[in-house]
Every structure is written in C-alpha cells, then in structure tokens.
C-alpha cells in the first residue's frame, strides 16, 4: 500500500505574508518586519526576503504592532517585490 503524505496548510503557507484587503480602504499585513518608507502615496513594508509596496492616496498607518500592520486610505495597488 502506498504511503500517504499529509501536509498541513500551515506548513505550505508558513513563510508567505498574510495580506488582507478590506475593500480599497484598508489593508492588514500580518508578519511584517517593519516600515521601510512612508508617505501619503507609498508605504513600503519589510517582510523577510521581500517587500510589500502599497500605492494609493491619503495612506496612513492606522495600527502597528510587532505582529500586525493596518493601513487606511485609498489603496490603488499592492506590489510584492522579492529579493
């Protein structure tokens, strides 16, 4: 009988950022490593080996904790940069 392999979703997605978009007015980023750049039009977020770049208008950091970052404003684009 062949051996069954089971992999939990947590193992598959452990190193991926969790980005939750609520409409176009709020983004929640879990597992961030800090803010690299901040302006009302662009926010760059550090995340292990990548950057998450939010572009929009009137962007504000609503909440920041060691685990979570909440950004509000008119969010037009989210870019994931590796390396």
PDB file of N, CA and C in Angstrom:
ATOM      1  N   UNK A   1       0.854  -1.180   0.000  1.00  0.00           N
ATOM      2  CA  UNK A   1       0.000   0.000   0.000  1.00  0.00           C
ATOM      3  C   UNK A   1       0.899   1.242   0.000  1.00  0.00           C
ATOM      4  N   UNK A   2       0.608   2.220  -0.875  1.00  0.00           N
ATOM      5  CA  UNK A   2       1.429   3.437  -0.911  1.00  0.00           C
ATOM      6  C   UNK A   2       1.285   4.252   0.366  1.00  0.00           C
ATOM      7  N   UNK A   3       2.375   4.892   0.723  1.00  0.00           N
ATOM      8  CA  UNK A   3       2.393   5.726   1.921  1.00  0.00           C
ATOM      9  C   UNK A   3       1.709   7.059   1.625  1.00  0.00           C
ATOM     10  N   UNK A   4       0.853   7.519   2.518  1.00  0.00           N
ATOM     11  CA  UNK A   4       0.177   8.803   2.352  1.00  0.00           C
ATOM     12  C   UNK A   4       0.993   9.901   3.017  1.00  0.00           C
ATOM     13  N   UNK A   5       1.129  10.998   2.320  1.00  0.00           N
ATOM     14  CA  UNK A   5       1.817  12.167   2.858  1.00  0.00           C
ATOM     15  C   UNK A   5       0.775  13.221   3.160  1.00  0.00           C
ATOM     16  N   UNK A   6       0.865  13.763   4.329  1.00  0.00           N
ATOM     17  CA  UNK A   6      -0.053  14.846   4.665  1.00  0.00           C
ATOM     18  C   UNK A   6       0.752  16.090   5.022  1.00  0.00           C
ATOM     19  N   UNK A   7       0.347  17.167   4.422  1.00  0.00           N
ATOM     20  CA  UNK A   7       0.981  18.459   4.695  1.00  0.00           C
ATOM     21  C   UNK A   7      -0.129  19.415   5.074  1.00  0.00           C
ATOM     22  N   UNK A   8       0.045  20.067   6.191  1.00  0.00           N
ATOM     23  CA  UNK A   8      -0.981  21.000   6.635  1.00  0.00           C
ATOM     24  C   UNK A   8      -0.835  22.329   5.895  1.00  0.00           C
ATOM     25  N   UNK A   9      -1.931  23.081   5.749  1.00  0.00           N
ATOM     26  CA  UNK A   9      -1.833  24.402   5.119  1.00  0.00           C
ATOM     27  C   UNK A   9      -0.834  25.312   5.822  1.00  0.00           C
ATOM     28  N   UNK A  10      -0.697  25.166   7.132  1.00  0.00           N
ATOM     29  CA  UNK A  10       0.270  25.972   7.877  1.00  0.00           C
ATOM     30  C   UNK A  10       1.695  25.731   7.418  1.00  0.00           C
ATOM     31  N   UNK A  11       2.026  24.490   7.074  1.00  0.00           N
ATOM     32  CA  UNK A  11       3.363  24.173   6.590  1.00  0.00           C
ATOM     33  C   UNK A  11       3.599  24.730   5.186  1.00  0.00           C
ATOM     34  N   UNK A  12       2.579  24.713   4.363  1.00  0.00           N
ATOM     35  CA  UNK A  12       2.706  25.201   2.993  1.00  0.00           C
ATOM     36  C   UNK A  12       2.857  26.716   2.969  1.00  0.00           C
ATOM     37  N   UNK A  13       2.060  27.410   3.770  1.00  0.00           N
ATOM     38  CA  UNK A  13       1.995  28.865   3.715  1.00  0.00           C
ATOM     39  C   UNK A  13       2.742  29.570   4.847  1.00  0.00           C
ATOM     40  N   UNK A  14       3.583  28.862   5.574  1.00  0.00           N
ATOM     41  CA  UNK A  14       4.239  29.430   6.758  1.00  0.00           C
ATOM     42  C   UNK A  14       5.082  30.666   6.450  1.00  0.00           C
ATOM     43  N   UNK A  15       5.773  30.684   5.317  1.00  0.00           N
ATOM     44  CA  UNK A  15       6.660  31.801   5.002  1.00  0.00           C
ATOM     45  C   UNK A  15       6.019  32.857   4.114  1.00  0.00           C
ATOM     46  N   UNK A  16       4.751  32.708   3.806  1.00  0.00           N
ATOM     47  CA  UNK A  16       4.084  33.676   2.955  1.00  0.00           C
ATOM     48  C   UNK A  16       3.441  34.774   3.796  1.00  0.00           C
ATOM     49  N   UNK A  17       3.460  36.005   3.281  1.00  0.00           N
ATOM     50  CA  UNK A  17       2.804  37.083   4.038  1.00  0.00           C
ATOM     51  C   UNK A  17       1.302  36.912   3.989  1.00  0.00           C
ATOM     52  N   UNK A  18       0.657  37.326   5.035  1.00  0.00           N
ATOM     53  CA  UNK A  18      -0.798  37.316   5.058  1.00  0.00           C
ATOM     54  C   UNK A  18      -1.235  38.771   4.888  1.00  0.00           C
ATOM     55  N   UNK A  19      -1.864  39.042   3.759  1.00  0.00           N
ATOM     56  CA  UNK A  19      -2.317  40.386   3.430  1.00  0.00           C
ATOM     57  C   UNK A  19      -3.819  40.318   3.226  1.00  0.00           C
ATOM     58  N   UNK A  20      -4.544  41.077   4.026  1.00  0.00           N
ATOM     59  CA  UNK A  20      -5.994  41.092   3.962  1.00  0.00           C
ATOM     60  C   UNK A  20      -6.423  42.472   3.487  1.00  0.00           C
ATOM     61  N   UNK A  21      -7.172  42.503   2.405  1.00  0.00           N
ATOM     62  CA  UNK A  21      -7.651  43.777   1.876  1.00  0.00           C
ATOM     63  C   UNK A  21      -9.138  43.887   2.159  1.00  0.00           C
ATOM     64  N   UNK A  22      -9.528  44.976   2.810  1.00  0.00           N
ATOM     65  CA  UNK A  22     -10.929  45.227   3.129  1.00  0.00           C
ATOM     66  C   UNK A  22     -11.403  46.363   2.224  1.00  0.00           C
ATOM     67  N   UNK A  23     -12.038  45.987   1.115  1.00  0.00           N
ATOM     68  CA  UNK A  23     -12.403  46.976   0.116  1.00  0.00           C
ATOM     69  C   UNK A  23     -11.139  47.587  -0.448  1.00  0.00           C
ATOM     70  N   UNK A  24     -11.200  48.865  -0.793  1.00  0.00           N
ATOM     71  CA  UNK A  24      -9.992  49.556  -1.242  1.00  0.00           C
ATOM     72  C   UNK A  24      -9.558  50.597  -0.225  1.00  0.00           C
ATOM     73  N   UNK A  25     -10.106  50.481   1.010  1.00  0.00           N
ATOM     74  CA  UNK A  25      -9.823  51.477   2.043  1.00  0.00           C
ATOM     75  C   UNK A  25      -8.942  50.996   3.182  1.00  0.00           C
ATOM     76  N   UNK A  26      -8.703  49.685   3.301  1.00  0.00           N
ATOM     77  CA  UNK A  26      -7.871  49.191   4.400  1.00  0.00           C
ATOM     78  C   UNK A  26      -7.146  47.916   3.991  1.00  0.00           C
ATOM     79  N   UNK A  27      -5.883  47.827   4.431  1.00  0.00           N
ATOM     80  CA  UNK A  27      -5.085  46.620   4.239  1.00  0.00           C
ATOM     81  C   UNK A  27      -4.496  46.239   5.586  1.00  0.00           C
ATOM     82  N   UNK A  28      -4.549  44.951   5.902  1.00  0.00           N
ATOM     83  CA  UNK A  28      -3.938  44.401   7.109  1.00  0.00           C
ATOM     84  C   UNK A  28      -2.805  43.479   6.657  1.00  0.00           C
ATOM     85  N   UNK A  29      -1.597  43.714   7.170  1.00  0.00           N
ATOM     86  CA  UNK A  29      -0.436  42.878   6.848  1.00  0.00           C
ATOM     87  C   UNK A  29       0.006  42.209   8.140  1.00  0.00           C
ATOM     88  N   UNK A  30       0.010  40.890   8.134  1.00  0.00           N
ATOM     89  CA  UNK A  30       0.474  40.125   9.295  1.00  0.00           C
ATOM     90  C   UNK A  30       1.868  39.593   9.014  1.00  0.00           C
ATOM     91  N   UNK A  31       2.713  39.594  10.015  1.00  0.00           N
ATOM     92  CA  UNK A  31       4.070  39.065   9.892  1.00  0.00           C
ATOM     93  C   UNK A  31       5.047  40.033   9.251  1.00  0.00           C
ATOM     94  N   UNK A  32       4.815  41.323   9.402  1.00  0.00           N
ATOM     95  CA  UNK A  32       5.734  42.316   8.830  1.00  0.00           C
ATOM     96  C   UNK A  32       7.000  42.412   9.679  1.00  0.00           C
ATOM     97  N   UNK A  33       8.029  43.010   9.091  1.00  0.00           N
ATOM     98  CA  UNK A  33       9.299  43.216   9.799  1.00  0.00           C
ATOM     99  C   UNK A  33       9.640  44.691   9.937  1.00  0.00           C
ATOM    100  N   UNK A  34       8.693  45.570   9.621  1.00  0.00           N
ATOM    101  CA  UNK A  34       8.923  46.993   9.799  1.00  0.00           C
ATOM    102  C   UNK A  34       8.573  47.802   8.560  1.00  0.00           C
ATOM    103  N   UNK A  35       8.618  49.125   8.728  1.00  0.00           N
ATOM    104  CA  UNK A  35       8.315  50.073   7.663  1.00  0.00           C
ATOM    105  C   UNK A  35       9.630  50.546   7.047  1.00  0.00           C
ATOM    106  N   UNK A  36       9.753  50.453   5.731  1.00  0.00           N
ATOM    107  CA  UNK A  36      10.952  50.913   5.030  1.00  0.00           C
ATOM    108  C   UNK A  36      10.799  52.343   4.527  1.00  0.00           C
ATOM    109  N   UNK A  37       9.599  52.705   4.100  1.00  0.00           N
ATOM    110  CA  UNK A  37       9.333  54.059   3.603  1.00  0.00           C
ATOM    111  C   UNK A  37       7.862  54.368   3.835  1.00  0.00           C
ATOM    112  N   UNK A  38       7.586  55.651   4.079  1.00  0.00           N
ATOM    113  CA  UNK A  38       6.207  56.043   4.374  1.00  0.00           C
ATOM    114  C   UNK A  38       5.919  57.430   3.819  1.00  0.00           C
ATOM    115  N   UNK A  39       4.889  57.537   3.013  1.00  0.00           N
ATOM    116  CA  UNK A  39       4.373  58.821   2.549  1.00  0.00           C
ATOM    117  C   UNK A  39       2.873  58.624   2.305  1.00  0.00           C
ATOM    118  N   UNK A  40       2.127  59.697   2.089  1.00  0.00           N
ATOM    119  CA  UNK A  40       0.689  59.538   1.821  1.00  0.00           C
ATOM    120  C   UNK A  40       0.387  58.795   0.523  1.00  0.00           C
ATOM    121  N   UNK A  41       1.385  58.633  -0.354  1.00  0.00           N
ATOM    122  CA  UNK A  41       1.173  57.935  -1.628  1.00  0.00           C
ATOM    123  C   UNK A  41       1.779  56.537  -1.692  1.00  0.00           C
ATOM    124  N   UNK A  42       2.816  56.274  -0.891  1.00  0.00           N
ATOM    125  CA  UNK A  42       3.518  54.982  -0.950  1.00  0.00           C
ATOM    126  C   UNK A  42       3.944  54.560   0.453  1.00  0.00           C
ATOM    127  N   UNK A  43       3.680  53.290   0.772  1.00  0.00           N
ATOM    128  CA  UNK A  43       4.197  52.698   2.009  1.00  0.00           C
ATOM    129  C   UNK A  43       4.913  51.415   1.624  1.00  0.00           C
ATOM    130  N   UNK A  44       6.193  51.300   2.027  1.00  0.00           N
ATOM    131  CA  UNK A  44       6.985  50.097   1.763  1.00  0.00           C
ATOM    132  C   UNK A  44       7.180  49.355   3.074  1.00  0.00           C
ATOM    133  N   UNK A  45       6.858  48.073   3.052  1.00  0.00           N
ATOM    134  CA  UNK A  45       6.873  47.235   4.251  1.00  0.00           C
ATOM    135  C   UNK A  45       7.888  46.116   4.062  1.00  0.00           C
ATOM    136  N   UNK A  46       8.722  45.900   5.065  1.00  0.00           N
ATOM    137  CA  UNK A  46       9.695  44.811   5.034  1.00  0.00           C
ATOM    138  C   UNK A  46       9.025  43.518   5.478  1.00  0.00           C
ATOM    139  N   UNK A  47       9.368  42.417   4.787  1.00  0.00           N
ATOM    140  CA  UNK A  47       8.801  41.122   5.124  1.00  0.00           C
ATOM    141  C   UNK A  47       9.797  40.043   4.730  1.00  0.00           C
ATOM    142  N   UNK A  48      10.613  39.555   5.678  1.00  0.00           N
ATOM    143  CA  UNK A  48      11.634  38.533   5.440  1.00  0.00           C
ATOM    144  C   UNK A  48      12.455  38.861   4.208  1.00  0.00           C
ATOM    145  N   UNK A  49      12.301  38.110   3.110  1.00  0.00           N
ATOM    146  CA  UNK A  49      13.120  38.325   1.913  1.00  0.00           C
ATOM    147  C   UNK A  49      12.378  39.121   0.846  1.00  0.00           C
ATOM    148  N   UNK A  50      11.371  39.855   1.237  1.00  0.00           N
ATOM    149  CA  UNK A  50      10.602  40.604   0.254  1.00  0.00           C
ATOM    150  C   UNK A  50      10.106  41.924   0.813  1.00  0.00           C
ATOM    151  N   UNK A  51       9.588  42.744  -0.094  1.00  0.00           N
ATOM    152  CA  UNK A  51       8.954  43.999   0.285  1.00  0.00           C
ATOM    153  C   UNK A  51       7.521  43.971  -0.215  1.00  0.00           C
ATOM    154  N   UNK A  52       6.641  44.571   0.563  1.00  0.00           N
ATOM    155  CA  UNK A  52       5.266  44.775   0.141  1.00  0.00           C
ATOM    156  C   UNK A  52       5.111  46.278  -0.025  1.00  0.00           C
ATOM    157  N   UNK A  53       4.715  46.694  -1.209  1.00  0.00           N
ATOM    158  CA  UNK A  53       4.585  48.118  -1.509  1.00  0.00           C
ATOM    159  C   UNK A  53       3.115  48.434  -1.750  1.00  0.00           C
ATOM    160  N   UNK A  54       2.612  49.383  -0.990  1.00  0.00           N
ATOM    161  CA  UNK A  54       1.235  49.838  -1.171  1.00  0.00           C
ATOM    162  C   UNK A  54       1.277  51.211  -1.825  1.00  0.00           C
ATOM    163  N   UNK A  55       0.505  51.375  -2.876  1.00  0.00           N
ATOM    164  CA  UNK A  55       0.418  52.665  -3.557  1.00  0.00           C
ATOM    165  C   UNK A  55      -1.022  53.142  -3.504  1.00  0.00           C
ATOM    166  N   UNK A  56      -1.204  54.444  -3.306  1.00  0.00           N
ATOM    167  CA  UNK A  56      -2.549  54.978  -3.244  1.00  0.00           C
ATOM    168  C   UNK A  56      -2.545  56.457  -2.916  1.00  0.00           C
ATOM    169  N   UNK A  57      -3.582  56.872  -2.221  1.00  0.00           N
ATOM    170  CA  UNK A  57      -3.768  58.282  -1.870  1.00  0.00           C
ATOM    171  C   UNK A  57      -4.207  58.370  -0.421  1.00  0.00           C
ATOM    172  N   UNK A  58      -3.682  59.356   0.291  1.00  0.00           N
ATOM    173  CA  UNK A  58      -4.033  59.582   1.702  1.00  0.00           C
ATOM    174  C   UNK A  58      -3.778  58.349   2.562  1.00  0.00           C
ATOM    175  N   UNK A  59      -2.684  57.625   2.296  1.00  0.00           N
ATOM    176  CA  UNK A  59      -2.358  56.424   3.072  1.00  0.00           C
ATOM    177  C   UNK A  59      -1.875  56.808   4.462  1.00  0.00           C
ATOM    178  N   UNK A  60      -2.371  56.095   5.455  1.00  0.00           N
ATOM    179  CA  UNK A  60      -1.984  56.314   6.853  1.00  0.00           C
ATOM    180  C   UNK A  60      -1.794  54.977   7.545  1.00  0.00           C
ATOM    181  N   UNK A  61      -0.841  54.946   8.462  1.00  0.00           N
ATOM    182  CA  UNK A  61      -0.674  53.765   9.313  1.00  0.00           C
ATOM    183  C   UNK A  61      -1.662  53.910  10.456  1.00  0.00           C
ATOM    184  N   UNK A  62      -2.692  53.082  10.437  1.00  0.00           N
ATOM    185  CA  UNK A  62      -3.754  53.140  11.436  1.00  0.00           C
ATOM    186  C   UNK A  62      -3.330  52.434  12.719  1.00  0.00           C
ATOM    187  N   UNK A  63      -2.639  51.288  12.576  1.00  0.00           N
ATOM    188  CA  UNK A  63      -2.209  50.488  13.728  1.00  0.00           C
ATOM    189  C   UNK A  63      -0.930  49.755  13.365  1.00  0.00           C
ATOM    190  N   UNK A  64       0.009  49.728  14.306  1.00  0.00           N
ATOM    191  CA  UNK A  64       1.218  48.934  14.108  1.00  0.00           C
ATOM    192  C   UNK A  64       1.547  48.225  15.412  1.00  0.00           C
ATOM    193  N   UNK A  65       1.699  46.908  15.329  1.00  0.00           N
ATOM    194  CA  UNK A  65       2.136  46.080  16.449  1.00  0.00           C
ATOM    195  C   UNK A  65       3.271  45.200  15.915  1.00  0.00           C
ATOM    196  N   UNK A  66       3.961  44.472  16.769  1.00  0.00           N
ATOM    197  CA  UNK A  66       5.013  43.577  16.265  1.00  0.00           C
ATOM    198  C   UNK A  66       4.496  42.515  15.290  1.00  0.00           C
ATOM    199  N   UNK A  67       3.214  42.173  15.368  1.00  0.00           N
ATOM    200  CA  UNK A  67       2.660  41.128  14.505  1.00  0.00           C
ATOM    201  C   UNK A  67       1.841  41.662  13.336  1.00  0.00           C
ATOM    202  N   UNK A  68       1.270  42.849  13.470  1.00  0.00           N
ATOM    203  CA  UNK A  68       0.272  43.301  12.504  1.00  0.00           C
ATOM    204  C   UNK A  68       0.440  44.780  12.164  1.00  0.00           C
ATOM    205  N   UNK A  69       0.090  45.104  10.930  1.00  0.00           N
ATOM    206  CA  UNK A  69       0.131  46.471  10.439  1.00  0.00           C
ATOM    207  C   UNK A  69      -1.182  46.743   9.720  1.00  0.00           C
ATOM    208  N   UNK A  70      -1.869  47.824  10.079  1.00  0.00           N
ATOM    209  CA  UNK A  70      -3.117  48.197   9.414  1.00  0.00           C
ATOM    210  C   UNK A  70      -2.920  49.552   8.744  1.00  0.00           C
ATOM    211  N   UNK A  71      -3.246  49.600   7.462  1.00  0.00           N
ATOM    212  CA  UNK A  71      -3.084  50.814   6.683  1.00  0.00           C
ATOM    213  C   UNK A  71      -4.430  51.203   6.098  1.00  0.00           C
ATOM    214  N   UNK A  72      -4.760  52.497   6.217  1.00  0.00           N
ATOM    215  CA  UNK A  72      -6.014  53.001   5.666  1.00  0.00           C
ATOM    216  C   UNK A  72      -5.713  54.046   4.597  1.00  0.00           C
ATOM    217  N   UNK A  73      -6.717  54.357   3.805  1.00  0.00           N
ATOM    218  CA  UNK A  73      -6.603  55.326   2.722  1.00  0.00           C
ATOM    219  C   UNK A  73      -7.165  54.719   1.452  1.00  0.00           C
ATOM    220  N   UNK A  74      -6.972  55.404   0.353  1.00  0.00           N
ATOM    221  CA  UNK A  74      -7.409  54.881  -0.940  1.00  0.00           C
ATOM    222  C   UNK A  74      -6.285  54.043  -1.527  1.00  0.00           C
ATOM    223  N   UNK A  75      -6.407  52.721  -1.452  1.00  0.00           N
ATOM    224  CA  UNK A  75      -5.357  51.808  -1.887  1.00  0.00           C
ATOM    225  C   UNK A  75      -5.617  51.441  -3.343  1.00  0.00           C
ATOM    226  N   UNK A  76      -4.657  51.779  -4.197  1.00  0.00           N
ATOM    227  CA  UNK A  76      -4.804  51.527  -5.627  1.00  0.00           C
ATOM    228  C   UNK A  76      -4.068  50.285  -6.102  1.00  0.00           C
ATOM    229  N   UNK A  77      -2.948  49.973  -5.432  1.00  0.00           N
ATOM    230  CA  UNK A  77      -2.142  48.850  -5.898  1.00  0.00           C
ATOM    231  C   UNK A  77      -1.307  48.279  -4.766  1.00  0.00           C
ATOM    232  N   UNK A  78      -1.132  46.944  -4.793  1.00  0.00           N
ATOM    233  CA  UNK A  78      -0.238  46.239  -3.865  1.00  0.00           C
ATOM    234  C   UNK A  78       0.784  45.507  -4.716  1.00  0.00           C
ATOM    235  N   UNK A  79       2.068  45.725  -4.415  1.00  0.00           N
ATOM    236  CA  UNK A  79       3.161  45.098  -5.171  1.00  0.00           C
ATOM    237  C   UNK A  79       3.976  44.245  -4.210  1.00  0.00           C
ATOM    238  N   UNK A  80       4.324  43.029  -4.641  1.00  0.00           N
ATOM    239  CA  UNK A  80       5.196  42.147  -3.873  1.00  0.00           C
ATOM    240  C   UNK A  80       6.530  42.070  -4.603  1.00  0.00           C
ATOM    241  N   UNK A  81       7.616  42.527  -3.949  1.00  0.00           N
ATOM    242  CA  UNK A  81       8.961  42.504  -4.534  1.00  0.00           C
ATOM    243  C   UNK A  81       9.807  41.510  -3.789  1.00  0.00           C
ATOM    244  N   UNK A  82      10.412  40.579  -4.509  1.00  0.00           N
ATOM    245  CA  UNK A  82      11.311  39.607  -3.876  1.00  0.00           C
ATOM    246  C   UNK A  82      12.748  40.061  -4.037  1.00  0.00           C
ATOM    247  N   UNK A  83      13.551  39.695  -3.014  1.00  0.00           N
ATOM    248  CA  UNK A  83      14.984  39.964  -3.101  1.00  0.00           C
ATOM    249  C   UNK A  83      15.443  41.231  -2.522  1.00  0.00           C
TER     250      UNK A  83
END
